[in-house]
Protein backbone atom coordinates (compact mmCIF):
# COMPACT_ATOMS: atom_id res chain seq x y z
CA MET A 1 1.76 -26.48 -24.80
CA SER A 2 5.44 -25.75 -25.33
CA TRP A 3 7.90 -24.22 -22.88
CA GLN A 4 8.43 -21.38 -25.34
CA LEU A 5 4.92 -20.20 -24.53
CA VAL A 6 4.65 -21.28 -20.89
CA LEU A 7 7.93 -19.80 -19.65
CA PRO A 8 7.25 -16.18 -20.71
CA ILE A 9 3.75 -16.36 -19.21
CA ALA A 10 5.15 -17.78 -15.95
CA VAL A 11 7.84 -15.09 -15.81
CA LEU A 12 5.25 -12.38 -16.45
CA CYS A 13 3.01 -13.74 -13.67
CA VAL A 14 5.91 -13.79 -11.19
CA LEU A 15 6.95 -10.26 -12.17
CA ALA A 16 3.36 -9.03 -11.80
CA LEU A 17 3.19 -10.63 -8.34
CA VAL A 18 6.49 -9.07 -7.28
CA THR A 19 5.50 -5.61 -8.57
CA ALA A 20 2.16 -5.80 -6.75
CA TRP A 21 3.96 -6.87 -3.58
CA LEU A 22 6.44 -3.97 -3.89
CA ALA A 23 3.59 -1.53 -4.52
CA SER A 24 1.86 -2.70 -1.32
CA ALA A 25 5.11 -2.50 0.65
CA VAL A 26 5.77 1.10 -0.45
CA HIS A 27 2.16 2.10 0.31
CA GLU A 28 2.19 0.61 3.82
CA ALA A 29 5.70 1.90 4.59
CA ALA A 30 4.44 5.42 3.85
CA HIS A 31 1.58 4.96 6.35
CA ALA A 32 3.98 3.67 9.01
CA LEU A 33 6.60 6.38 8.51
CA CYS A 34 3.97 9.12 8.58
CA ALA A 35 2.39 7.68 11.74
CA ARG A 36 5.78 7.60 13.45
CA SER A 37 6.53 11.17 12.36
CA PHE A 38 3.37 12.28 14.23
CA GLY A 39 4.37 10.30 17.32
CA LEU A 40 1.72 7.64 16.79
CA GLY A 41 2.78 4.18 17.95
CA VAL A 42 3.10 1.69 15.10
CA LEU A 43 2.11 -1.78 16.33
CA ALA A 44 2.21 -3.76 13.08
CA VAL A 45 2.87 -3.46 9.37
CA ASN A 46 1.36 -6.29 7.34
CA VAL A 47 2.08 -6.57 3.61
CA GLY A 48 -0.02 -9.09 1.75
CA LYS A 49 -2.21 -12.02 2.69
CA GLY A 50 -1.77 -15.75 3.01
CA PRO A 51 1.15 -17.63 4.54
CA VAL A 52 3.96 -15.61 6.15
CA VAL A 53 7.13 -15.27 4.06
CA ALA A 54 9.15 -13.15 6.50
CA GLU A 55 8.52 -11.52 9.86
CA TRP A 56 10.65 -9.32 12.11
CA HIS A 57 10.43 -6.44 14.58
CA VAL A 58 11.35 -2.84 13.82
CA GLY A 59 11.21 -1.02 17.13
CA THR A 60 7.84 -1.90 18.61
CA ALA A 61 6.27 -2.82 15.26
CA LEU A 62 5.91 -6.36 13.98
CA VAL A 63 6.57 -6.29 10.21
CA THR A 64 5.06 -9.21 8.30
CA PHE A 65 5.40 -10.00 4.62
CA ARG A 66 2.98 -12.57 3.23
CA VAL A 67 3.03 -14.52 -0.01
CA LEU A 68 0.26 -12.70 -1.95
CA PRO A 69 -0.24 -8.95 -2.39
CA GLY A 70 -3.44 -7.38 -1.12
CA ARG A 71 -5.12 -6.86 2.27
CA SER A 72 -2.12 -4.94 3.57
CA PHE A 73 -2.44 -2.65 6.56
CA VAL A 74 -0.69 -0.73 9.33
CA LEU A 75 -1.99 -0.81 12.89
CA TYR A 76 -1.11 2.18 15.02
CA THR A 77 -2.12 3.78 18.29
CA TRP A 78 -2.29 7.36 19.52
CA PRO A 79 -1.22 8.61 22.94
CA THR A 80 -4.52 10.13 24.14
CA ASP A 81 -8.10 9.00 24.60
CA ARG A 82 -9.18 11.24 21.72
CA ARG A 83 -7.92 10.40 18.28
CA PRO A 84 -6.09 13.38 16.70
CA ALA A 85 -7.99 14.03 13.45
CA VAL A 86 -5.33 15.74 11.35
CA PRO A 87 -2.43 13.35 12.06
CA VAL A 88 -4.68 10.32 11.49
CA ALA A 89 -6.06 11.80 8.25
CA LEU A 90 -2.57 12.66 6.98
CA THR A 91 -1.29 9.21 7.94
CA ALA A 92 -4.15 7.67 5.96
CA ALA A 93 -3.31 9.92 2.98
CA ALA A 94 0.40 9.07 3.08
CA GLY A 95 -0.02 5.61 1.50
CA PRO A 96 -2.04 6.70 -1.54
CA VAL A 97 0.15 9.77 -2.04
CA ALA A 98 3.31 7.62 -1.96
CA SER A 99 1.73 5.19 -4.43
CA ILE A 100 0.76 7.99 -6.83
CA VAL A 101 4.14 9.74 -6.62
CA ILE A 102 6.21 6.57 -7.07
CA GLY A 103 3.98 5.35 -9.88
CA GLY A 104 4.20 8.72 -11.62
CA VAL A 105 7.98 8.85 -11.30
CA VAL A 106 8.34 5.29 -12.66
CA LEU A 107 6.07 6.11 -15.62
CA TRP A 108 7.93 9.35 -16.31
CA LEU A 109 11.35 7.65 -16.15
CA ALA A 110 10.23 4.67 -18.23
CA THR A 111 8.67 6.70 -21.02
CA GLY A 112 11.60 9.08 -21.23
CA SER A 113 14.38 6.52 -20.95
CA GLY A 114 14.18 5.01 -24.41
CA ILE A 115 13.87 1.47 -23.08
CA GLY A 116 11.56 -0.85 -24.91
CA GLY A 117 10.24 -4.39 -24.89
CA TRP A 118 9.40 -6.19 -21.69
CA PRO A 119 11.36 -3.83 -19.35
CA LEU A 120 9.17 -0.97 -20.53
CA GLY A 121 6.10 -3.16 -20.10
CA ILE A 122 7.06 -4.03 -16.51
CA ALA A 123 7.72 -0.35 -15.70
CA VAL A 124 4.39 0.72 -17.21
CA ILE A 125 2.53 -2.01 -15.30
CA PHE A 126 4.25 -1.10 -12.01
CA GLY A 127 3.78 2.65 -12.50
CA SER A 128 0.17 2.34 -13.61
CA MET A 129 -0.67 -0.07 -10.78
CA ASN A 130 0.69 2.41 -8.25
CA VAL A 131 -1.05 5.47 -9.69
CA LEU A 132 -4.41 3.76 -10.16
CA GLY A 133 -4.18 1.95 -6.82
CA GLY A 134 -3.35 5.19 -5.01
CA LEU A 135 -6.21 7.06 -6.67
CA GLY A 136 -8.62 4.19 -6.01
CA ASN A 137 -7.60 4.06 -2.37
CA LEU A 138 -8.60 7.71 -1.96
CA ILE A 139 -12.21 6.87 -2.83
CA PRO A 140 -14.11 6.95 0.49
CA ILE A 141 -15.44 3.40 0.84
CA PRO A 142 -16.99 2.78 4.27
CA ARG A 143 -16.18 -0.09 6.59
CA ILE A 144 -16.98 -3.39 4.94
CA GLY A 145 -16.11 -7.05 5.31
CA PRO A 146 -15.05 -9.06 8.32
CA ALA A 147 -12.11 -6.77 9.12
CA ARG A 148 -14.48 -3.75 9.28
CA MET A 149 -11.85 -1.48 7.79
CA GLY A 150 -12.67 1.30 5.34
CA SER A 151 -10.48 2.65 2.55
CA ASP A 152 -7.86 5.31 3.20
CA GLY A 153 -10.27 7.79 1.65
CA TRP A 154 -12.90 6.80 4.22
CA VAL A 155 -10.45 7.26 7.09
CA ILE A 156 -9.53 10.72 5.76
CA LEU A 157 -13.18 11.72 5.33
CA SER A 158 -14.26 10.31 8.68
CA GLN A 159 -11.46 12.10 10.51
CA MET A 160 -12.11 15.40 8.80
CA LEU A 161 -15.87 15.17 9.44
CA ARG A 162 -15.57 13.15 12.67
CA LEU A 163 -17.83 10.41 11.33
CA PRO A 164 -17.73 6.94 12.89
CA SER A 165 -14.36 5.90 11.54
CA ALA A 166 -12.75 2.80 10.25
CA ARG A 167 -10.20 1.26 12.52
CA ALA A 168 -6.80 3.00 12.49
CA ARG A 169 -4.70 2.00 9.50
C-alpha cells in the first residue's frame, strides 16, 4: 500500500477524531454553563474516554479531556435535598440543543460559502455529526450500563414526569 493512499486516510481519521472530540466538548460545555447559570454546582466535566490528555480546574470543577471521544459527561449538584425539576431538565437539554444549533450553523455556512473538496467534507461531517448526535441524545433511553446513566432525553423526561431519574449529568 502506498503513502499516497495511506496518508489521506490517516489524515481523514485524525480529522474525524478531532471533530468528534470538539463536538463532545461543545455539548458538555453547554451542560456545564447551563448548570452554573441555574446555580447548580459543577463538580466535573469529562470529555471523552480512555487515557487523560489534559486536566485542570475551573472554579470547583475538574475538567478532563481524554484521548477518544464518547462517554462524556458533566457531574453537578443542587443546593437542596430535592432536585429542582426544571433547572435539571433544562440543563440536560442544553447539550443536545447546543449540538443541534452548532451543527446547523456549520452546515448552513459550509453549504453557502462556496468551498469545496475536503474542507466542505469536513464541515459537512462535523455539522451532521452534531445535528444527528444532538437529536439522538434527546431520545429518552433509560439508565443502562455500568455507569447507570440515561440519555439527556431520559433525564428531561424523568424530571418532567418525576420518574426515577438517571444520575445528574
